[in-house]
Amino acid sequence: VSEKVLHELLRAWSANLRVGLGGTGSDTLFLRAFSALDLSLLAALDNQHPFLDGAEYAALLSAALAYLAGEKDLRAFDPRQGWMHATAHTADLLKFLARSPHLRPADQGRILEAVAAKLRTAGETFSHGENERLAAAVQSLVLREDFDAAAFTRFLADVAEPGVHLWDKGPLVDPARYAATQNAKDLLRSLYVALVRNTAAPEPPRAEILKTLEKLGG
């Protein structure tokens, strides 16, 4: 495939992320979700055989973050229609964007803030591997040579916040805060295991993750 075609696909698939964005229940979700997955392949290819310039990379990163924040239709699988999985597909895109040499140190915080916001605002507990896929995106940042440890510490505080006072009123918990807390725990467990298994991973983030999980009750 020529670079000309790759750039045409980049423009088309990026535009697809905005089609019907903000709505729920429509089949346009398939277009958005699978365009995000297709874009993840372009991002992965660019890491191996660069074809994006800095401006194109920055635009793709901004489009991915806007899509993660703006997608309200969180359906993952429908027995009749099959997979949608927008959150997981966007996580895959962010995973490869997070490995790019184009990524600026300041953009690490943008990715972490977007992931934390998704966990907090989903309003439901992800149950189709979304948290594991989001954890893989975060892991890509942790493994960078220019890893922003301060941004990661802020990220842990952000994802833990909904669970800090979750049980203050006894069993009468806010369902949205409960879901956010469960999502945070699931992501952090996945991230911790992935970092333990990776011999190149730094130790301090693992210790921070454990402390955060202890704060959240495991």
C-alpha atoms as a PDB file:
ATOM      1  CA  VAL A   1       0.000   0.000   0.000  1.00  0.00           C
ATOM      2  CA  SER A   2       1.422   3.381  -0.974  1.00  0.00           C
ATOM      3  CA  GLU A   3       1.879   6.245   1.466  1.00  0.00           C
ATOM      4  CA  LYS A   4      -0.679   8.196  -0.556  1.00  0.00           C
ATOM      5  CA  VAL A   5      -3.287   5.523   0.156  1.00  0.00           C
ATOM      6  CA  LEU A   6      -2.291   5.381   3.828  1.00  0.00           C
ATOM      7  CA  HIS A   7      -2.835   9.126   4.158  1.00  0.00           C
ATOM      8  CA  GLU A   8      -6.207   8.848   2.416  1.00  0.00           C
ATOM      9  CA  LEU A   9      -7.239   6.111   4.847  1.00  0.00           C
ATOM     10  CA  LEU A  10      -6.023   8.220   7.755  1.00  0.00           C
ATOM     11  CA  ARG A  11      -8.217  11.133   6.689  1.00  0.00           C
ATOM     12  CA  ALA A  12     -11.275   8.965   6.000  1.00  0.00           C
ATOM     13  CA  TRP A  13     -11.106   6.921   9.176  1.00  0.00           C
ATOM     14  CA  SER A  14     -10.396   9.973  11.326  1.00  0.00           C
ATOM     15  CA  ALA A  15     -13.484  11.679   9.889  1.00  0.00           C
ATOM     16  CA  ASN A  16     -15.547   8.566  10.632  1.00  0.00           C
ATOM     17  CA  LEU A  17     -14.893   8.996  14.356  1.00  0.00           C
ATOM     18  CA  ARG A  18     -17.192  12.030  14.322  1.00  0.00           C
ATOM     19  CA  VAL A  19     -20.129  10.458  12.465  1.00  0.00           C
ATOM     20  CA  GLY A  20     -23.046  10.285  14.906  1.00  0.00           C
ATOM     21  CA  LEU A  21     -20.739  10.891  17.861  1.00  0.00           C
ATOM     22  CA  GLY A  22     -22.628  11.605  21.070  1.00  0.00           C
ATOM     23  CA  GLY A  23     -25.650   9.513  20.189  1.00  0.00           C
ATOM     24  CA  THR A  24     -26.540   6.033  21.413  1.00  0.00           C
ATOM     25  CA  GLY A  25     -28.298   3.037  19.939  1.00  0.00           C
ATOM     26  CA  SER A  26     -27.429   3.777  16.315  1.00  0.00           C
ATOM     27  CA  ASP A  27     -25.578   1.531  13.895  1.00  0.00           C
ATOM     28  CA  THR A  28     -23.169   4.415  13.271  1.00  0.00           C
ATOM     29  CA  LEU A  29     -21.358   3.040  16.314  1.00  0.00           C
ATOM     30  CA  PHE A  30     -19.941   0.310  14.082  1.00  0.00           C
ATOM     31  CA  LEU A  31     -18.442   2.899  11.738  1.00  0.00           C
ATOM     32  CA  ARG A  32     -16.855   4.832  14.591  1.00  0.00           C
ATOM     33  CA  ALA A  33     -15.640   1.843  16.589  1.00  0.00           C
ATOM     34  CA  PHE A  34     -14.089  -0.019  13.690  1.00  0.00           C
ATOM     35  CA  SER A  35     -12.562   3.142  12.271  1.00  0.00           C
ATOM     36  CA  ALA A  36     -10.786   3.490  15.630  1.00  0.00           C
ATOM     37  CA  LEU A  37      -9.564  -0.092  15.296  1.00  0.00           C
ATOM     38  CA  ASP A  38      -8.403   0.548  11.726  1.00  0.00           C
ATOM     39  CA  LEU A  39      -6.583   3.674  12.873  1.00  0.00           C
ATOM     40  CA  SER A  40      -4.792   1.592  15.495  1.00  0.00           C
ATOM     41  CA  LEU A  41      -3.302  -0.448  12.657  1.00  0.00           C
ATOM     42  CA  LEU A  42      -2.064   2.724  10.980  1.00  0.00           C
ATOM     43  CA  ALA A  43      -0.523   3.904  14.252  1.00  0.00           C
ATOM     44  CA  ALA A  44       1.169   0.533  14.727  1.00  0.00           C
ATOM     45  CA  LEU A  45       2.467   0.633  11.152  1.00  0.00           C
ATOM     46  CA  ASP A  46       3.841   4.135  11.646  1.00  0.00           C
ATOM     47  CA  ASN A  47       5.847   2.909  14.633  1.00  0.00           C
ATOM     48  CA  GLN A  48       7.511   0.306  12.396  1.00  0.00           C
ATOM     49  CA  HIS A  49       7.628   2.144   9.063  1.00  0.00           C
ATOM     50  CA  PRO A  50       7.150   5.889   9.683  1.00  0.00           C
ATOM     51  CA  PHE A  51       4.879   7.756   7.295  1.00  0.00           C
ATOM     52  CA  LEU A  52       3.208  10.321   9.573  1.00  0.00           C
ATOM     53  CA  ASP A  53       4.751  13.718  10.129  1.00  0.00           C
ATOM     54  CA  GLY A  54       4.539  15.463  13.484  1.00  0.00           C
ATOM     55  CA  ALA A  55       1.422  17.435  12.612  1.00  0.00           C
ATOM     56  CA  GLU A  56      -0.420  14.355  11.338  1.00  0.00           C
ATOM     57  CA  TYR A  57       0.490  12.421  14.457  1.00  0.00           C
ATOM     58  CA  ALA A  58      -0.687  15.275  16.687  1.00  0.00           C
ATOM     59  CA  ALA A  59      -3.989  15.457  14.808  1.00  0.00           C
ATOM     60  CA  LEU A  60      -4.521  11.708  15.143  1.00  0.00           C
ATOM     61  CA  LEU A  61      -3.771  11.792  18.859  1.00  0.00           C
ATOM     62  CA  SER A  62      -6.216  14.657  19.368  1.00  0.00           C
ATOM     63  CA  ALA A  63      -8.858  12.816  17.332  1.00  0.00           C
ATOM     64  CA  ALA A  64      -8.386   9.666  19.406  1.00  0.00           C
ATOM     65  CA  LEU A  65      -8.662  11.537  22.703  1.00  0.00           C
ATOM     66  CA  ALA A  66     -11.727  13.441  21.515  1.00  0.00           C
ATOM     67  CA  TYR A  67     -13.345  10.203  20.421  1.00  0.00           C
ATOM     68  CA  LEU A  68     -12.646   8.443  23.718  1.00  0.00           C
ATOM     69  CA  ALA A  69     -14.225  11.350  25.591  1.00  0.00           C
ATOM     70  CA  GLY A  70     -17.129  11.857  23.205  1.00  0.00           C
ATOM     71  CA  GLU A  71     -18.286   8.283  22.651  1.00  0.00           C
ATOM     72  CA  LYS A  72     -21.398   7.720  24.763  1.00  0.00           C
ATOM     73  CA  ASP A  73     -22.447   4.399  23.217  1.00  0.00           C
ATOM     74  CA  LEU A  74     -20.491   1.893  25.267  1.00  0.00           C
ATOM     75  CA  ARG A  75     -22.081  -1.267  23.898  1.00  0.00           C
ATOM     76  CA  ALA A  76     -19.402  -3.912  23.491  1.00  0.00           C
ATOM     77  CA  PHE A  77     -21.222  -6.918  22.057  1.00  0.00           C
ATOM     78  CA  ASP A  78     -24.699  -7.603  20.745  1.00  0.00           C
ATOM     79  CA  PRO A  79     -25.811 -11.238  20.231  1.00  0.00           C
ATOM     80  CA  ARG A  80     -27.504 -10.301  16.957  1.00  0.00           C
ATOM     81  CA  GLN A  81     -25.150  -7.685  15.542  1.00  0.00           C
ATOM     82  CA  GLY A  82     -21.804  -8.758  16.961  1.00  0.00           C
ATOM     83  CA  TRP A  83     -18.942  -6.705  18.342  1.00  0.00           C
ATOM     84  CA  MET A  84     -18.901  -2.913  18.646  1.00  0.00           C
ATOM     85  CA  HIS A  85     -16.295  -2.424  21.416  1.00  0.00           C
ATOM     86  CA  ALA A  86     -15.567   1.269  20.878  1.00  0.00           C
ATOM     87  CA  THR A  87     -13.730   1.742  24.171  1.00  0.00           C
ATOM     88  CA  ALA A  88     -11.455  -1.241  23.592  1.00  0.00           C
ATOM     89  CA  HIS A  89     -10.715  -0.237  20.005  1.00  0.00           C
ATOM     90  CA  THR A  90      -9.849   3.297  21.072  1.00  0.00           C
ATOM     91  CA  ALA A  91      -7.607   1.873  23.787  1.00  0.00           C
ATOM     92  CA  ASP A  92      -5.764  -0.093  21.097  1.00  0.00           C
ATOM     93  CA  LEU A  93      -5.280   3.109  19.110  1.00  0.00           C
ATOM     94  CA  LEU A  94      -3.925   4.914  22.169  1.00  0.00           C
ATOM     95  CA  LYS A  95      -1.626   1.987  22.955  1.00  0.00           C
ATOM     96  CA  PHE A  96       0.202   2.407  19.660  1.00  0.00           C
ATOM     97  CA  LEU A  97       0.114   6.198  19.733  1.00  0.00           C
ATOM     98  CA  ALA A  98       1.702   6.021  23.193  1.00  0.00           C
ATOM     99  CA  ARG A  99       4.666   4.129  21.732  1.00  0.00           C
ATOM    100  CA  SER A 100       5.372   6.698  19.036  1.00  0.00           C
ATOM    101  CA  PRO A 101       8.563   8.764  18.939  1.00  0.00           C
ATOM    102  CA  HIS A 102       6.291  11.665  17.970  1.00  0.00           C
ATOM    103  CA  LEU A 103       4.682  11.656  21.431  1.00  0.00           C
ATOM    104  CA  ARG A 104       5.667  14.753  23.391  1.00  0.00           C
ATOM    105  CA  PRO A 105       6.215  14.444  27.157  1.00  0.00           C
ATOM    106  CA  ALA A 106       3.250  16.761  27.795  1.00  0.00           C
ATOM    107  CA  ASP A 107       0.989  14.457  25.798  1.00  0.00           C
ATOM    108  CA  GLN A 108       1.551  11.588  28.201  1.00  0.00           C
ATOM    109  CA  GLY A 109      -0.562  13.470  30.714  1.00  0.00           C
ATOM    110  CA  ARG A 110      -3.272  14.036  28.101  1.00  0.00           C
ATOM    111  CA  ILE A 111      -3.569  10.309  27.470  1.00  0.00           C
ATOM    112  CA  LEU A 112      -3.616   9.462  31.169  1.00  0.00           C
ATOM    113  CA  GLU A 113      -6.227  12.128  31.886  1.00  0.00           C
ATOM    114  CA  ALA A 114      -8.425  10.795  29.080  1.00  0.00           C
ATOM    115  CA  VAL A 115      -8.216   7.227  30.368  1.00  0.00           C
ATOM    116  CA  ALA A 116      -8.986   8.322  33.934  1.00  0.00           C
ATOM    117  CA  ALA A 117     -11.949  10.365  32.725  1.00  0.00           C
ATOM    118  CA  LYS A 118     -13.346   7.376  30.824  1.00  0.00           C
ATOM    119  CA  LEU A 119     -13.210   5.208  33.922  1.00  0.00           C
ATOM    120  CA  ARG A 120     -14.945   7.897  35.983  1.00  0.00           C
ATOM    121  CA  THR A 121     -17.682   8.824  33.523  1.00  0.00           C
ATOM    122  CA  ALA A 122     -18.592   5.484  31.941  1.00  0.00           C
ATOM    123  CA  GLY A 123     -21.469   5.007  34.373  1.00  0.00           C
ATOM    124  CA  GLU A 124     -21.115   1.247  34.126  1.00  0.00           C
ATOM    125  CA  THR A 125     -18.597  -1.440  34.939  1.00  0.00           C
ATOM    126  CA  PHE A 126     -16.770  -2.533  31.816  1.00  0.00           C
ATOM    127  CA  SER A 127     -17.130  -6.286  31.355  1.00  0.00           C
ATOM    128  CA  HIS A 128     -15.712  -7.112  27.922  1.00  0.00           C
ATOM    129  CA  GLY A 129     -11.999  -6.548  28.428  1.00  0.00           C
ATOM    130  CA  GLU A 130     -12.074  -2.770  28.067  1.00  0.00           C
ATOM    131  CA  ASN A 131     -10.132  -2.151  31.274  1.00  0.00           C
ATOM    132  CA  GLU A 132      -7.411  -4.588  30.225  1.00  0.00           C
ATOM    133  CA  ARG A 133      -7.072  -2.851  26.857  1.00  0.00           C
ATOM    134  CA  LEU A 134      -6.934   0.576  28.515  1.00  0.00           C
ATOM    135  CA  ALA A 135      -4.289  -0.784  30.873  1.00  0.00           C
ATOM    136  CA  ALA A 136      -2.197  -1.766  27.851  1.00  0.00           C
ATOM    137  CA  ALA A 137      -2.314   1.840  26.649  1.00  0.00           C
ATOM    138  CA  VAL A 138      -1.114   3.054  30.044  1.00  0.00           C
ATOM    139  CA  GLN A 139       1.607   0.401  30.087  1.00  0.00           C
ATOM    140  CA  SER A 140       2.951   1.775  26.794  1.00  0.00           C
ATOM    141  CA  LEU A 141       3.552   5.074  28.581  1.00  0.00           C
ATOM    142  CA  VAL A 142       5.147   3.490  31.641  1.00  0.00           C
ATOM    143  CA  LEU A 143       7.650   1.660  29.432  1.00  0.00           C
ATOM    144  CA  ARG A 144       8.817   4.790  27.616  1.00  0.00           C
ATOM    145  CA  GLU A 145      12.319   6.087  28.298  1.00  0.00           C
ATOM    146  CA  ASP A 146      10.822   9.545  28.850  1.00  0.00           C
ATOM    147  CA  PHE A 147       8.043   8.222  31.126  1.00  0.00           C
ATOM    148  CA  ASP A 148       6.366  11.077  33.004  1.00  0.00           C
ATOM    149  CA  ALA A 149       6.266   9.720  36.559  1.00  0.00           C
ATOM    150  CA  ALA A 150       4.538  12.821  37.913  1.00  0.00           C
ATOM    151  CA  ALA A 151       1.707  12.504  35.392  1.00  0.00           C
ATOM    152  CA  PHE A 152       1.328   8.840  36.360  1.00  0.00           C
ATOM    153  CA  THR A 153       1.056   9.737  40.044  1.00  0.00           C
ATOM    154  CA  ARG A 154      -1.698  12.228  39.191  1.00  0.00           C
ATOM    155  CA  PHE A 155      -3.418   9.540  37.124  1.00  0.00           C
ATOM    156  CA  LEU A 156      -3.486   7.142  40.064  1.00  0.00           C
ATOM    157  CA  ALA A 157      -4.998   9.823  42.283  1.00  0.00           C
ATOM    158  CA  ASP A 158      -7.622  10.584  39.634  1.00  0.00           C
ATOM    159  CA  VAL A 159      -8.749   6.990  39.167  1.00  0.00           C
ATOM    160  CA  ALA A 160      -8.812   6.380  42.925  1.00  0.00           C
ATOM    161  CA  GLU A 161     -10.877   9.467  43.776  1.00  0.00           C
ATOM    162  CA  PRO A 162     -14.371   7.952  43.243  1.00  0.00           C
ATOM    163  CA  GLY A 163     -13.587   5.113  45.643  1.00  0.00           C
ATOM    164  CA  VAL A 164     -12.014   7.057  48.487  1.00  0.00           C
ATOM    165  CA  HIS A 165     -15.316   7.818  50.237  1.00  0.00           C
ATOM    166  CA  LEU A 166     -17.459   5.250  48.444  1.00  0.00           C
ATOM    167  CA  TRP A 167     -18.754   3.573  51.610  1.00  0.00           C
ATOM    168  CA  ASP A 168     -19.058   6.644  53.837  1.00  0.00           C
ATOM    169  CA  LYS A 169     -22.855   6.310  53.811  1.00  0.00           C
ATOM    170  CA  GLY A 170     -22.908   2.578  54.333  1.00  0.00           C
ATOM    171  CA  PRO A 171     -24.524   0.427  51.638  1.00  0.00           C
ATOM    172  CA  LEU A 172     -26.197   3.435  49.953  1.00  0.00           C
ATOM    173  CA  VAL A 173     -23.482   3.939  47.350  1.00  0.00           C
ATOM    174  CA  ASP A 174     -23.656   6.044  44.215  1.00  0.00           C
ATOM    175  CA  PRO A 175     -23.870   3.489  41.353  1.00  0.00           C
ATOM    176  CA  ALA A 176     -21.725   5.660  39.074  1.00  0.00           C
ATOM    177  CA  ARG A 177     -18.981   5.983  41.698  1.00  0.00           C
ATOM    178  CA  TYR A 178     -19.155   2.258  42.370  1.00  0.00           C
ATOM    179  CA  ALA A 179     -18.726   1.516  38.655  1.00  0.00           C
ATOM    180  CA  ALA A 180     -15.836   3.980  38.411  1.00  0.00           C
ATOM    181  CA  THR A 181     -14.143   2.361  41.396  1.00  0.00           C
ATOM    182  CA  GLN A 182     -14.560  -1.124  39.977  1.00  0.00           C
ATOM    183  CA  ASN A 183     -13.209   0.003  36.612  1.00  0.00           C
ATOM    184  CA  ALA A 184     -10.199   1.550  38.337  1.00  0.00           C
ATOM    185  CA  LYS A 185      -9.461  -1.614  40.287  1.00  0.00           C
ATOM    186  CA  ASP A 186      -9.787  -3.803  37.201  1.00  0.00           C
ATOM    187  CA  LEU A 187      -7.478  -1.564  35.166  1.00  0.00           C
ATOM    188  CA  LEU A 188      -4.882  -1.294  37.921  1.00  0.00           C
ATOM    189  CA  ARG A 189      -4.828  -5.047  38.510  1.00  0.00           C
ATOM    190  CA  SER A 190      -4.293  -5.664  34.802  1.00  0.00           C
ATOM    191  CA  LEU A 191      -1.598  -3.007  34.648  1.00  0.00           C
ATOM    192  CA  TYR A 192       0.201  -4.340  37.703  1.00  0.00           C
ATOM    193  CA  VAL A 193       0.314  -7.904  36.374  1.00  0.00           C
ATOM    194  CA  ALA A 194       1.521  -6.708  32.974  1.00  0.00           C
ATOM    195  CA  LEU A 195       4.328  -4.690  34.564  1.00  0.00           C
ATOM    196  CA  VAL A 196       5.375  -7.559  36.839  1.00  0.00           C
ATOM    197  CA  ARG A 197       5.643  -9.835  33.816  1.00  0.00           C
ATOM    198  CA  ASN A 198       7.743  -7.317  31.881  1.00  0.00           C
ATOM    199  CA  THR A 199      11.351  -7.443  33.061  1.00  0.00           C
ATOM    200  CA  ALA A 200      12.052  -4.045  31.478  1.00  0.00           C
ATOM    201  CA  ALA A 201       9.338  -2.290  33.482  1.00  0.00           C
ATOM    202  CA  PRO A 202      10.420   0.154  36.207  1.00  0.00           C
ATOM    203  CA  GLU A 203       9.658  -0.825  39.804  1.00  0.00           C
ATOM    204  CA  PRO A 204       8.347   2.472  41.278  1.00  0.00           C
ATOM    205  CA  PRO A 205       5.090   2.489  39.253  1.00  0.00           C
ATOM    206  CA  ARG A 206       4.310  -1.031  40.482  1.00  0.00           C
ATOM    207  CA  ALA A 207       4.673   0.079  44.088  1.00  0.00           C
ATOM    208  CA  GLU A 208       2.422   3.068  43.444  1.00  0.00           C
ATOM    209  CA  ILE A 209      -0.204   0.840  41.860  1.00  0.00           C
ATOM    210  CA  LEU A 210      -0.197  -1.491  44.865  1.00  0.00           C
ATOM    211  CA  LYS A 211      -0.664   1.421  47.259  1.00  0.00           C
ATOM    212  CA  THR A 212      -3.579   2.693  45.188  1.00  0.00           C
ATOM    213  CA  LEU A 213      -5.208  -0.743  45.099  1.00  0.00           C
ATOM    214  CA  GLU A 214      -4.839  -1.025  48.872  1.00  0.00           C
ATOM    215  CA  LYS A 215      -6.559   2.340  49.206  1.00  0.00           C
ATOM    216  CA  LEU A 216      -9.408   1.014  47.051  1.00  0.00           C
ATOM    217  CA  GLY A 217      -9.709  -2.204  49.017  1.00  0.00           C
ATOM    218  CA  GLY A 218      -7.900  -4.457  46.585  1.00  0.00           C
END
